[in-house]
Amino acid sequence: PCAASTPRLFAARGSMSSALVNAARRALTQRARTAPVRSFNTSAPMRGGDGEPAYIHAEKMYDIGATKGRAAVFGAACAAVVLIGGYIPVYAVQFQQRKAAG
């Protein structure tokens, strides 16, 4: 009885170890197939000292009411927009005529 049961014992151990090897092999190949997880990381906004904004003039940047010489600044800006807007078609016509003339 002892001699007959010994080969079964070794056979059971052999199949168990091969099952473990196969399971480990499957786990490794499955892990290699999965793509790495990507994430989107951001940092906190930059702040100056004592909770101030990082840009020193940020609080006054869009305070149009406090602009010095507001009428002159906006008058000059409007004049520049009108002059540039009027000159672009003139330049385009002159460019096309020069190109057509050869």
PDB file of N, CA and C in Angstrom:
ATOM      1  N   PRO A   1       0.803  -1.200   0.000  1.00  0.00           N
ATOM      2  CA  PRO A   1       0.000   0.000   0.000  1.00  0.00           C
ATOM      3  C   PRO A   1       0.847   1.266   0.000  1.00  0.00           C
ATOM      4  N   CYS A   2       1.985   1.215   0.681  1.00  0.00           N
ATOM      5  CA  CYS A   2       2.833   2.421   0.733  1.00  0.00           C
ATOM      6  C   CYS A   2       3.442   2.721  -0.612  1.00  0.00           C
ATOM      7  N   ALA A   3       3.888   1.719  -1.313  1.00  0.00           N
ATOM      8  CA  ALA A   3       4.535   1.921  -2.613  1.00  0.00           C
ATOM      9  C   ALA A   3       3.532   2.437  -3.633  1.00  0.00           C
ATOM     10  N   ALA A   4       2.304   2.027  -3.537  1.00  0.00           N
ATOM     11  CA  ALA A   4       1.294   2.461  -4.500  1.00  0.00           C
ATOM     12  C   ALA A   4       0.860   3.890  -4.247  1.00  0.00           C
ATOM     13  N   SER A   5       0.861   4.327  -3.007  1.00  0.00           N
ATOM     14  CA  SER A   5       0.409   5.682  -2.707  1.00  0.00           C
ATOM     15  C   SER A   5       1.503   6.719  -2.937  1.00  0.00           C
ATOM     16  N   THR A   6       2.747   6.324  -2.945  1.00  0.00           N
ATOM     17  CA  THR A   6       3.849   7.273  -3.119  1.00  0.00           C
ATOM     18  C   THR A   6       3.822   7.947  -4.493  1.00  0.00           C
ATOM     19  N   PRO A   7       3.639   7.238  -5.597  1.00  0.00           N
ATOM     20  CA  PRO A   7       3.590   7.924  -6.887  1.00  0.00           C
ATOM     21  C   PRO A   7       2.428   8.906  -6.980  1.00  0.00           C
ATOM     22  N   ARG A   8       1.306   8.564  -6.368  1.00  0.00           N
ATOM     23  CA  ARG A   8       0.165   9.510  -6.386  1.00  0.00           C
ATOM     24  C   ARG A   8       0.506  10.789  -5.637  1.00  0.00           C
ATOM     25  N   LEU A   9       1.210  10.644  -4.538  1.00  0.00           N
ATOM     26  CA  LEU A   9       1.601  11.799  -3.739  1.00  0.00           C
ATOM     27  C   LEU A   9       2.503  12.706  -4.561  1.00  0.00           C
ATOM     28  N   PHE A  10       3.495  12.103  -5.258  1.00  0.00           N
ATOM     29  CA  PHE A  10       4.389  12.903  -6.085  1.00  0.00           C
ATOM     30  C   PHE A  10       3.653  13.516  -7.275  1.00  0.00           C
ATOM     31  N   ALA A  11       2.709  12.775  -7.813  1.00  0.00           N
ATOM     32  CA  ALA A  11       1.934  13.284  -8.938  1.00  0.00           C
ATOM     33  C   ALA A  11       1.066  14.454  -8.501  1.00  0.00           C
ATOM     34  N   ALA A  12       0.504  14.367  -7.307  1.00  0.00           N
ATOM     35  CA  ALA A  12      -0.314  15.463  -6.789  1.00  0.00           C
ATOM     36  C   ALA A  12       0.541  16.694  -6.538  1.00  0.00           C
ATOM     37  N   ARG A  13       1.722  16.488  -5.994  1.00  0.00           N
ATOM     38  CA  ARG A  13       2.630  17.628  -5.775  1.00  0.00           C
ATOM     39  C   ARG A  13       3.053  18.248  -7.100  1.00  0.00           C
ATOM     40  N   GLY A  14       3.336  17.431  -8.093  1.00  0.00           N
ATOM     41  CA  GLY A  14       3.756  17.934  -9.401  1.00  0.00           C
ATOM     42  C   GLY A  14       2.665  18.751 -10.071  1.00  0.00           C
ATOM     43  N   SER A  15       1.419  18.279  -9.992  1.00  0.00           N
ATOM     44  CA  SER A  15       0.327  19.022 -10.616  1.00  0.00           C
ATOM     45  C   SER A  15       0.035  20.303  -9.850  1.00  0.00           C
ATOM     46  N   MET A  16       0.235  20.270  -8.522  1.00  0.00           N
ATOM     47  CA  MET A  16      -0.002  21.476  -7.730  1.00  0.00           C
ATOM     48  C   MET A  16       1.042  22.532  -8.047  1.00  0.00           C
ATOM     49  N   SER A  17       2.310  22.120  -8.149  1.00  0.00           N
ATOM     50  CA  SER A  17       3.352  23.090  -8.445  1.00  0.00           C
ATOM     51  C   SER A  17       3.196  23.634  -9.859  1.00  0.00           C
ATOM     52  N   SER A  18       2.813  22.791 -10.802  1.00  0.00           N
ATOM     53  CA  SER A  18       2.613  23.302 -12.160  1.00  0.00           C
ATOM     54  C   SER A  18       1.395  24.223 -12.221  1.00  0.00           C
ATOM     55  N   ALA A  19       0.394  23.953 -11.400  1.00  0.00           N
ATOM     56  CA  ALA A  19      -0.762  24.857 -11.349  1.00  0.00           C
ATOM     57  C   ALA A  19      -0.359  26.207 -10.785  1.00  0.00           C
ATOM     58  N   LEU A  20       0.494  26.208  -9.761  1.00  0.00           N
ATOM     59  CA  LEU A  20       0.976  27.472  -9.206  1.00  0.00           C
ATOM     60  C   LEU A  20       1.835  28.225 -10.212  1.00  0.00           C
ATOM     61  N   VAL A  21       2.669  27.512 -10.924  1.00  0.00           N
ATOM     62  CA  VAL A  21       3.515  28.133 -11.946  1.00  0.00           C
ATOM     63  C   VAL A  21       2.642  28.742 -13.045  1.00  0.00           C
ATOM     64  N   ASN A  22       1.645  27.993 -13.473  1.00  0.00           N
ATOM     65  CA  ASN A  22       0.741  28.507 -14.511  1.00  0.00           C
ATOM     66  C   ASN A  22      -0.021  29.735 -14.033  1.00  0.00           C
ATOM     67  N   ALA A  23      -0.480  29.705 -12.792  1.00  0.00           N
ATOM     68  CA  ALA A  23      -1.207  30.864 -12.247  1.00  0.00           C
ATOM     69  C   ALA A  23      -0.301  32.081 -12.160  1.00  0.00           C
ATOM     70  N   ALA A  24       0.930  31.858 -11.716  1.00  0.00           N
ATOM     71  CA  ALA A  24       1.883  32.973 -11.626  1.00  0.00           C
ATOM     72  C   ALA A  24       2.206  33.512 -13.009  1.00  0.00           C
ATOM     73  N   ARG A  25       2.374  32.623 -13.973  1.00  0.00           N
ATOM     74  CA  ARG A  25       2.668  33.048 -15.339  1.00  0.00           C
ATOM     75  C   ARG A  25       1.514  33.865 -15.917  1.00  0.00           C
ATOM     76  N   ARG A  26       0.273  33.398 -15.685  1.00  0.00           N
ATOM     77  CA  ARG A  26      -0.899  34.139 -16.156  1.00  0.00           C
ATOM     78  C   ARG A  26      -0.987  35.518 -15.520  1.00  0.00           C
ATOM     79  N   ALA A  27      -0.711  35.591 -14.221  1.00  0.00           N
ATOM     80  CA  ALA A  27      -0.785  36.877 -13.523  1.00  0.00           C
ATOM     81  C   ALA A  27       0.254  37.850 -14.063  1.00  0.00           C
ATOM     82  N   LEU A  28       1.454  37.366 -14.338  1.00  0.00           N
ATOM     83  CA  LEU A  28       2.502  38.244 -14.857  1.00  0.00           C
ATOM     84  C   LEU A  28       2.189  38.729 -16.265  1.00  0.00           C
ATOM     85  N   THR A  29       1.703  37.842 -17.129  1.00  0.00           N
ATOM     86  CA  THR A  29       1.386  38.275 -18.491  1.00  0.00           C
ATOM     87  C   THR A  29       0.192  39.216 -18.506  1.00  0.00           C
ATOM     88  N   GLN A  30      -0.762  38.982 -17.622  1.00  0.00           N
ATOM     89  CA  GLN A  30      -1.920  39.884 -17.565  1.00  0.00           C
ATOM     90  C   GLN A  30      -1.492  41.253 -17.059  1.00  0.00           C
ATOM     91  N   ARG A  31      -0.607  41.291 -16.102  1.00  0.00           N
ATOM     92  CA  ARG A  31      -0.129  42.560 -15.561  1.00  0.00           C
ATOM     93  C   ARG A  31       0.665  43.318 -16.616  1.00  0.00           C
ATOM     94  N   ALA A  32       1.423  42.608 -17.426  1.00  0.00           N
ATOM     95  CA  ALA A  32       2.220  43.243 -18.468  1.00  0.00           C
ATOM     96  C   ALA A  32       1.337  43.801 -19.573  1.00  0.00           C
ATOM     97  N   ARG A  33       0.178  43.206 -19.809  1.00  0.00           N
ATOM     98  CA  ARG A  33      -0.713  43.669 -20.873  1.00  0.00           C
ATOM     99  C   ARG A  33      -1.477  44.932 -20.515  1.00  0.00           C
ATOM    100  N   THR A  34      -1.761  45.144 -19.265  1.00  0.00           N
ATOM    101  CA  THR A  34      -2.553  46.310 -18.884  1.00  0.00           C
ATOM    102  C   THR A  34      -1.710  47.561 -19.003  1.00  0.00           C
ATOM    103  N   ALA A  35      -2.308  48.612 -19.528  1.00  0.00           N
ATOM    104  CA  ALA A  35      -1.611  49.880 -19.701  1.00  0.00           C
ATOM    105  C   ALA A  35      -1.463  50.566 -18.342  1.00  0.00           C
ATOM    106  N   PRO A  36      -0.405  51.325 -18.183  1.00  0.00           N
ATOM    107  CA  PRO A  36      -0.251  52.050 -16.918  1.00  0.00           C
ATOM    108  C   PRO A  36      -1.327  53.116 -16.780  1.00  0.00           C
ATOM    109  N   VAL A  37      -1.723  53.386 -15.592  1.00  0.00           N
ATOM    110  CA  VAL A  37      -2.770  54.366 -15.331  1.00  0.00           C
ATOM    111  C   VAL A  37      -2.155  55.758 -15.392  1.00  0.00           C
ATOM    112  N   ARG A  38      -2.766  56.612 -16.164  1.00  0.00           N
ATOM    113  CA  ARG A  38      -2.288  57.993 -16.260  1.00  0.00           C
ATOM    114  C   ARG A  38      -3.232  58.885 -15.478  1.00  0.00           C
ATOM    115  N   SER A  39      -2.680  59.916 -14.914  1.00  0.00           N
ATOM    116  CA  SER A  39      -3.513  60.849 -14.163  1.00  0.00           C
ATOM    117  C   SER A  39      -3.089  62.267 -14.497  1.00  0.00           C
ATOM    118  N   PHE A  40      -3.955  63.190 -14.235  1.00  0.00           N
ATOM    119  CA  PHE A  40      -3.709  64.599 -14.505  1.00  0.00           C
ATOM    120  C   PHE A  40      -3.458  65.286 -13.172  1.00  0.00           C
ATOM    121  N   ASN A  41      -2.256  65.759 -12.980  1.00  0.00           N
ATOM    122  CA  ASN A  41      -1.896  66.407 -11.718  1.00  0.00           C
ATOM    123  C   ASN A  41      -1.713  67.899 -11.940  1.00  0.00           C
ATOM    124  N   THR A  42      -2.222  68.676 -11.032  1.00  0.00           N
ATOM    125  CA  THR A  42      -2.025  70.115 -11.089  1.00  0.00           C
ATOM    126  C   THR A  42      -1.452  70.580  -9.768  1.00  0.00           C
ATOM    127  N   SER A  43      -0.905  71.747  -9.794  1.00  0.00           N
ATOM    128  CA  SER A  43      -0.375  72.303  -8.555  1.00  0.00           C
ATOM    129  C   SER A  43      -1.298  73.431  -8.100  1.00  0.00           C
ATOM    130  N   ALA A  44      -1.121  73.839  -6.900  1.00  0.00           N
ATOM    131  CA  ALA A  44      -1.930  74.942  -6.358  1.00  0.00           C
ATOM    132  C   ALA A  44      -1.533  76.239  -7.062  1.00  0.00           C
ATOM    133  N   PRO A  45      -2.453  77.197  -7.179  1.00  0.00           N
ATOM    134  CA  PRO A  45      -2.099  78.459  -7.822  1.00  0.00           C
ATOM    135  C   PRO A  45      -1.011  79.180  -7.031  1.00  0.00           C
ATOM    136  N   MET A  46      -0.145  79.852  -7.763  1.00  0.00           N
ATOM    137  CA  MET A  46       0.945  80.578  -7.113  1.00  0.00           C
ATOM    138  C   MET A  46       0.370  81.759  -6.331  1.00  0.00           C
ATOM    139  N   ARG A  47       0.810  81.908  -5.146  1.00  0.00           N
ATOM    140  CA  ARG A  47       0.383  83.025  -4.318  1.00  0.00           C
ATOM    141  C   ARG A  47       1.622  83.762  -3.837  1.00  0.00           C
ATOM    142  N   GLY A  48       1.481  85.051  -3.640  1.00  0.00           N
ATOM    143  CA  GLY A  48       2.580  85.825  -3.086  1.00  0.00           C
ATOM    144  C   GLY A  48       2.610  85.661  -1.577  1.00  0.00           C
ATOM    145  N   GLY A  49       3.328  86.521  -0.924  1.00  0.00           N
ATOM    146  CA  GLY A  49       3.390  86.454   0.528  1.00  0.00           C
ATOM    147  C   GLY A  49       2.093  86.920   1.153  1.00  0.00           C
ATOM    148  N   ASP A  50       1.726  86.374   2.261  1.00  0.00           N
ATOM    149  CA  ASP A  50       0.529  86.745   3.035  1.00  0.00           C
ATOM    150  C   ASP A  50      -0.760  86.606   2.236  1.00  0.00           C
ATOM    151  N   GLY A  51      -0.834  85.621   1.348  1.00  0.00           N
ATOM    152  CA  GLY A  51      -2.058  85.369   0.598  1.00  0.00           C
ATOM    153  C   GLY A  51      -2.319  86.340  -0.527  1.00  0.00           C
ATOM    154  N   GLU A  52      -1.340  87.151  -0.895  1.00  0.00           N
ATOM    155  CA  GLU A  52      -1.511  88.090  -2.001  1.00  0.00           C
ATOM    156  C   GLU A  52      -1.361  87.347  -3.325  1.00  0.00           C
ATOM    157  N   PRO A  53      -1.921  87.900  -4.416  1.00  0.00           N
ATOM    158  CA  PRO A  53      -1.739  87.245  -5.712  1.00  0.00           C
ATOM    159  C   PRO A  53      -0.278  87.279  -6.138  1.00  0.00           C
ATOM    160  N   ALA A  54       0.118  86.326  -7.007  1.00  0.00           N
ATOM    161  CA  ALA A  54       1.509  86.242  -7.440  1.00  0.00           C
ATOM    162  C   ALA A  54       1.891  87.466  -8.274  1.00  0.00           C
ATOM    163  N   TYR A  55       0.971  88.010  -9.058  1.00  0.00           N
ATOM    164  CA  TYR A  55       1.255  89.186  -9.865  1.00  0.00           C
ATOM    165  C   TYR A  55       0.923  90.406  -9.025  1.00  0.00           C
ATOM    166  N   ILE A  56       1.891  91.240  -8.827  1.00  0.00           N
ATOM    167  CA  ILE A  56       1.754  92.320  -7.846  1.00  0.00           C
ATOM    168  C   ILE A  56       0.683  93.349  -8.220  1.00  0.00           C
ATOM    169  N   HIS A  57       0.429  93.545  -9.521  1.00  0.00           N
ATOM    170  CA  HIS A  57      -0.538  94.552  -9.957  1.00  0.00           C
ATOM    171  C   HIS A  57      -1.892  93.946 -10.307  1.00  0.00           C
ATOM    172  N   ALA A  58      -2.147  92.707  -9.939  1.00  0.00           N
ATOM    173  CA  ALA A  58      -3.364  92.020 -10.356  1.00  0.00           C
ATOM    174  C   ALA A  58      -4.626  92.689  -9.817  1.00  0.00           C
ATOM    175  N   GLU A  59      -4.588  93.228  -8.623  1.00  0.00           N
ATOM    176  CA  GLU A  59      -5.797  93.833  -8.044  1.00  0.00           C
ATOM    177  C   GLU A  59      -6.233  95.071  -8.808  1.00  0.00           C
ATOM    178  N   LYS A  60      -5.276  95.822  -9.372  1.00  0.00           N
ATOM    179  CA  LYS A  60      -5.603  97.087 -10.044  1.00  0.00           C
ATOM    180  C   LYS A  60      -5.624  96.954 -11.560  1.00  0.00           C
ATOM    181  N   MET A  61      -5.352  95.760 -12.066  1.00  0.00           N
ATOM    182  CA  MET A  61      -5.170  95.610 -13.500  1.00  0.00           C
ATOM    183  C   MET A  61      -6.433  95.970 -14.289  1.00  0.00           C
ATOM    184  N   TYR A  62      -7.585  95.557 -13.839  1.00  0.00           N
ATOM    185  CA  TYR A  62      -8.824  95.786 -14.580  1.00  0.00           C
ATOM    186  C   TYR A  62      -9.699  96.852 -13.933  1.00  0.00           C
ATOM    187  N   ASP A  63      -9.131  97.697 -13.120  1.00  0.00           N
ATOM    188  CA  ASP A  63      -9.877  98.785 -12.487  1.00  0.00           C
ATOM    189  C   ASP A  63      -9.856  99.987 -13.431  1.00  0.00           C
ATOM    190  N   ILE A  64     -10.778  99.984 -14.397  1.00  0.00           N
ATOM    191  CA  ILE A  64     -10.789 101.015 -15.437  1.00  0.00           C
ATOM    192  C   ILE A  64     -11.154 102.372 -14.856  1.00  0.00           C
ATOM    193  N   GLY A  65     -11.986 102.372 -13.843  1.00  0.00           N
ATOM    194  CA  GLY A  65     -12.377 103.642 -13.246  1.00  0.00           C
ATOM    195  C   GLY A  65     -11.228 104.401 -12.621  1.00  0.00           C
ATOM    196  N   ALA A  66     -10.190 103.723 -12.207  1.00  0.00           N
ATOM    197  CA  ALA A  66      -9.048 104.374 -11.562  1.00  0.00           C
ATOM    198  C   ALA A  66      -7.940 104.721 -12.548  1.00  0.00           C
ATOM    199  N   THR A  67      -8.155 104.495 -13.862  1.00  0.00           N
ATOM    200  CA  THR A  67      -7.132 104.796 -14.851  1.00  0.00           C
ATOM    201  C   THR A  67      -6.910 106.293 -14.936  1.00  0.00           C
ATOM    202  N   LYS A  68      -5.641 106.700 -14.899  1.00  0.00           N
ATOM    203  CA  LYS A  68      -5.317 108.122 -15.024  1.00  0.00           C
ATOM    204  C   LYS A  68      -5.462 108.527 -16.490  1.00  0.00           C
ATOM    205  N   GLY A  69      -6.082 109.672 -16.755  1.00  0.00           N
ATOM    206  CA  GLY A  69      -6.272 110.152 -18.122  1.00  0.00           C
ATOM    207  C   GLY A  69      -7.119 109.196 -18.938  1.00  0.00           C
ATOM    208  N   ARG A  70      -8.196 108.720 -18.327  1.00  0.00           N
ATOM    209  CA  ARG A  70      -9.030 107.710 -18.961  1.00  0.00           C
ATOM    210  C   ARG A  70      -9.573 108.165 -20.311  1.00  0.00           C
ATOM    211  N   ALA A  71     -10.021 109.394 -20.435  1.00  0.00           N
ATOM    212  CA  ALA A  71     -10.587 109.877 -21.702  1.00  0.00           C
ATOM    213  C   ALA A  71      -9.524 109.887 -22.795  1.00  0.00           C
ATOM    214  N   ALA A  72      -8.321 110.309 -22.476  1.00  0.00           N
ATOM    215  CA  ALA A  72      -7.253 110.357 -23.480  1.00  0.00           C
ATOM    216  C   ALA A  72      -6.833 108.943 -23.891  1.00  0.00           C
ATOM    217  N   VAL A  73      -6.732 108.035 -22.930  1.00  0.00           N
ATOM    218  CA  VAL A  73      -6.307 106.662 -23.229  1.00  0.00           C
ATOM    219  C   VAL A  73      -7.328 105.978 -24.131  1.00  0.00           C
ATOM    220  N   PHE A  74      -8.588 106.055 -23.770  1.00  0.00           N
ATOM    221  CA  PHE A  74      -9.605 105.379 -24.576  1.00  0.00           C
ATOM    222  C   PHE A  74      -9.850 106.100 -25.896  1.00  0.00           C
ATOM    223  N   GLY A  75      -9.674 107.415 -25.938  1.00  0.00           N
ATOM    224  CA  GLY A  75      -9.768 108.148 -27.210  1.00  0.00           C
ATOM    225  C   GLY A  75      -8.672 107.711 -28.174  1.00  0.00           C
ATOM    226  N   ALA A  76      -7.445 107.577 -27.658  1.00  0.00           N
ATOM    227  CA  ALA A  76      -6.330 107.143 -28.504  1.00  0.00           C
ATOM    228  C   ALA A  76      -6.541 105.693 -28.966  1.00  0.00           C
ATOM    229  N   ALA A  77      -7.050 104.848 -28.086  1.00  0.00           N
ATOM    230  CA  ALA A  77      -7.297 103.454 -28.457  1.00  0.00           C
ATOM    231  C   ALA A  77      -8.364 103.363 -29.544  1.00  0.00           C
ATOM    232  N   CYS A  78      -9.428 104.132 -29.412  1.00  0.00           N
ATOM    233  CA  CYS A  78     -10.496 104.116 -30.425  1.00  0.00           C
ATOM    234  C   CYS A  78      -9.999 104.663 -31.756  1.00  0.00           C
ATOM    235  N   ALA A  79      -9.194 105.735 -31.717  1.00  0.00           N
ATOM    236  CA  ALA A  79      -8.653 106.307 -32.950  1.00  0.00           C
ATOM    237  C   ALA A  79      -7.740 105.302 -33.648  1.00  0.00           C
ATOM    238  N   ALA A  80      -6.927 104.570 -32.872  1.00  0.00           N
ATOM    239  CA  ALA A  80      -6.033 103.574 -33.459  1.00  0.00           C
ATOM    240  C   ALA A  80      -6.832 102.462 -34.133  1.00  0.00           C
ATOM    241  N   VAL A  81      -7.896 102.013 -33.487  1.00  0.00           N
ATOM    242  CA  VAL A  81      -8.722 100.946 -34.069  1.00  0.00           C
ATOM    243  C   VAL A  81      -9.367 101.417 -35.362  1.00  0.00           C
ATOM    244  N   VAL A  82      -9.893 102.633 -35.391  1.00  0.00           N
ATOM    245  CA  VAL A  82     -10.551 103.161 -36.596  1.00  0.00           C
ATOM    246  C   VAL A  82      -9.536 103.345 -37.725  1.00  0.00           C
ATOM    247  N   LEU A  83      -8.361 103.897 -37.417  1.00  0.00           N
ATOM    248  CA  LEU A  83      -7.357 104.116 -38.461  1.00  0.00           C
ATOM    249  C   LEU A  83      -6.834 102.796 -39.031  1.00  0.00           C
ATOM    250  N   ILE A  84      -6.546 101.845 -38.169  1.00  0.00           N
ATOM    251  CA  ILE A  84      -6.067 100.548 -38.661  1.00  0.00           C
ATOM    252  C   ILE A  84      -7.158  99.846 -39.459  1.00  0.00           C
ATOM    253  N   GLY A  85      -8.392  99.911 -38.975  1.00  0.00           N
ATOM    254  CA  GLY A  85      -9.507  99.276 -39.679  1.00  0.00           C
ATOM    255  C   GLY A  85      -9.786  99.907 -41.021  1.00  0.00           C
ATOM    256  N   GLY A  86      -9.509 101.198 -41.157  1.00  0.00           N
ATOM    257  CA  GLY A  86      -9.702 101.869 -42.443  1.00  0.00           C
ATOM    258  C   GLY A  86      -8.545 101.631 -43.399  1.00  0.00           C
ATOM    259  N   TYR A  87      -7.336 101.435 -42.880  1.00  0.00           N
ATOM    260  CA  TYR A  87      -6.172 101.302 -43.743  1.00  0.00           C
ATOM    261  C   TYR A  87      -6.028  99.890 -44.301  1.00  0.00           C
ATOM    262  N   ILE A  88      -6.510  98.887 -43.615  1.00  0.00           N
ATOM    263  CA  ILE A  88      -6.347  97.497 -44.078  1.00  0.00           C
ATOM    264  C   ILE A  88      -6.975  97.284 -45.461  1.00  0.00           C
ATOM    265  N   PRO A  89      -8.218  97.730 -45.714  1.00  0.00           N
ATOM    266  CA  PRO A  89      -8.763  97.549 -47.078  1.00  0.00           C
ATOM    267  C   PRO A  89      -8.003  98.349 -48.138  1.00  0.00           C
ATOM    268  N   VAL A  90      -7.526  99.539 -47.781  1.00  0.00           N
ATOM    269  CA  VAL A  90      -6.761 100.350 -48.742  1.00  0.00           C
ATOM    270  C   VAL A  90      -5.481  99.619 -49.115  1.00  0.00           C
ATOM    271  N   TYR A  91      -4.778  99.083 -48.128  1.00  0.00           N
ATOM    272  CA  TYR A  91      -3.540  98.349 -48.383  1.00  0.00           C
ATOM    273  C   TYR A  91      -3.822  97.094 -49.215  1.00  0.00           C
ATOM    274  N   ALA A  92      -4.934  96.423 -48.932  1.00  0.00           N
ATOM    275  CA  ALA A  92      -5.270  95.215 -49.687  1.00  0.00           C
ATOM    276  C   ALA A  92      -5.517  95.536 -51.159  1.00  0.00           C
ATOM    277  N   VAL A  93      -6.206  96.627 -51.426  1.00  0.00           N
ATOM    278  CA  VAL A  93      -6.472  97.026 -52.821  1.00  0.00           C
ATOM    279  C   VAL A  93      -5.168  97.392 -53.521  1.00  0.00           C
ATOM    280  N   GLN A  94      -4.313  98.160 -52.839  1.00  0.00           N
ATOM    281  CA  GLN A  94      -3.032  98.538 -53.445  1.00  0.00           C
ATOM    282  C   GLN A  94      -2.162  97.288 -53.722  1.00  0.00           C
ATOM    283  N   PHE A  95      -2.163  96.361 -52.811  1.00  0.00           N
ATOM    284  CA  PHE A  95      -1.380  95.131 -52.965  1.00  0.00           C
ATOM    285  C   PHE A  95      -1.873  94.337 -54.174  1.00  0.00           C
ATOM    286  N   GLN A  96      -3.193  94.207 -54.314  1.00  0.00           N
ATOM    287  CA  GLN A  96      -3.754  93.457 -55.432  1.00  0.00           C
ATOM    288  C   GLN A  96      -3.459  94.158 -56.772  1.00  0.00           C
ATOM    289  N   GLN A  97      -3.516  95.477 -56.774  1.00  0.00           N
ATOM    290  CA  GLN A  97      -3.245  96.211 -58.020  1.00  0.00           C
ATOM    291  C   GLN A  97      -1.776  96.080 -58.414  1.00  0.00           C
ATOM    292  N   ARG A  98      -0.869  96.119 -57.420  1.00  0.00           N
ATOM    293  CA  ARG A  98       0.559  95.935 -57.721  1.00  0.00           C
ATOM    294  C   ARG A  98       0.818  94.512 -58.242  1.00  0.00           C
ATOM    295  N   LYS A  99       0.137  93.555 -57.674  1.00  0.00           N
ATOM    296  CA  LYS A  99       0.313  92.173 -58.080  1.00  0.00           C
ATOM    297  C   LYS A  99      -0.220  91.959 -59.504  1.00  0.00           C
ATOM    298  N   ALA A 100      -1.334  92.606 -59.827  1.00  0.00           N
ATOM    299  CA  ALA A 100      -1.938  92.454 -61.151  1.00  0.00           C
ATOM    300  C   ALA A 100      -1.107  93.192 -62.215  1.00  0.00           C
ATOM    301  N   ALA A 101      -0.453  94.285 -61.822  1.00  0.00           N
ATOM    302  CA  ALA A 101       0.330  95.067 -62.776  1.00  0.00           C
ATOM    303  C   ALA A 101       1.601  94.308 -63.176  1.00  0.00           C
ATOM    304  N   GLY A 102       2.052  93.437 -62.340  1.00  0.00           N
ATOM    305  CA  GLY A 102       3.230  92.622 -62.710  1.00  0.00           C
ATOM    306  C   GLY A 102       4.393  93.069 -61.990  1.00  0.00           C
TER     307      GLY A 102
END
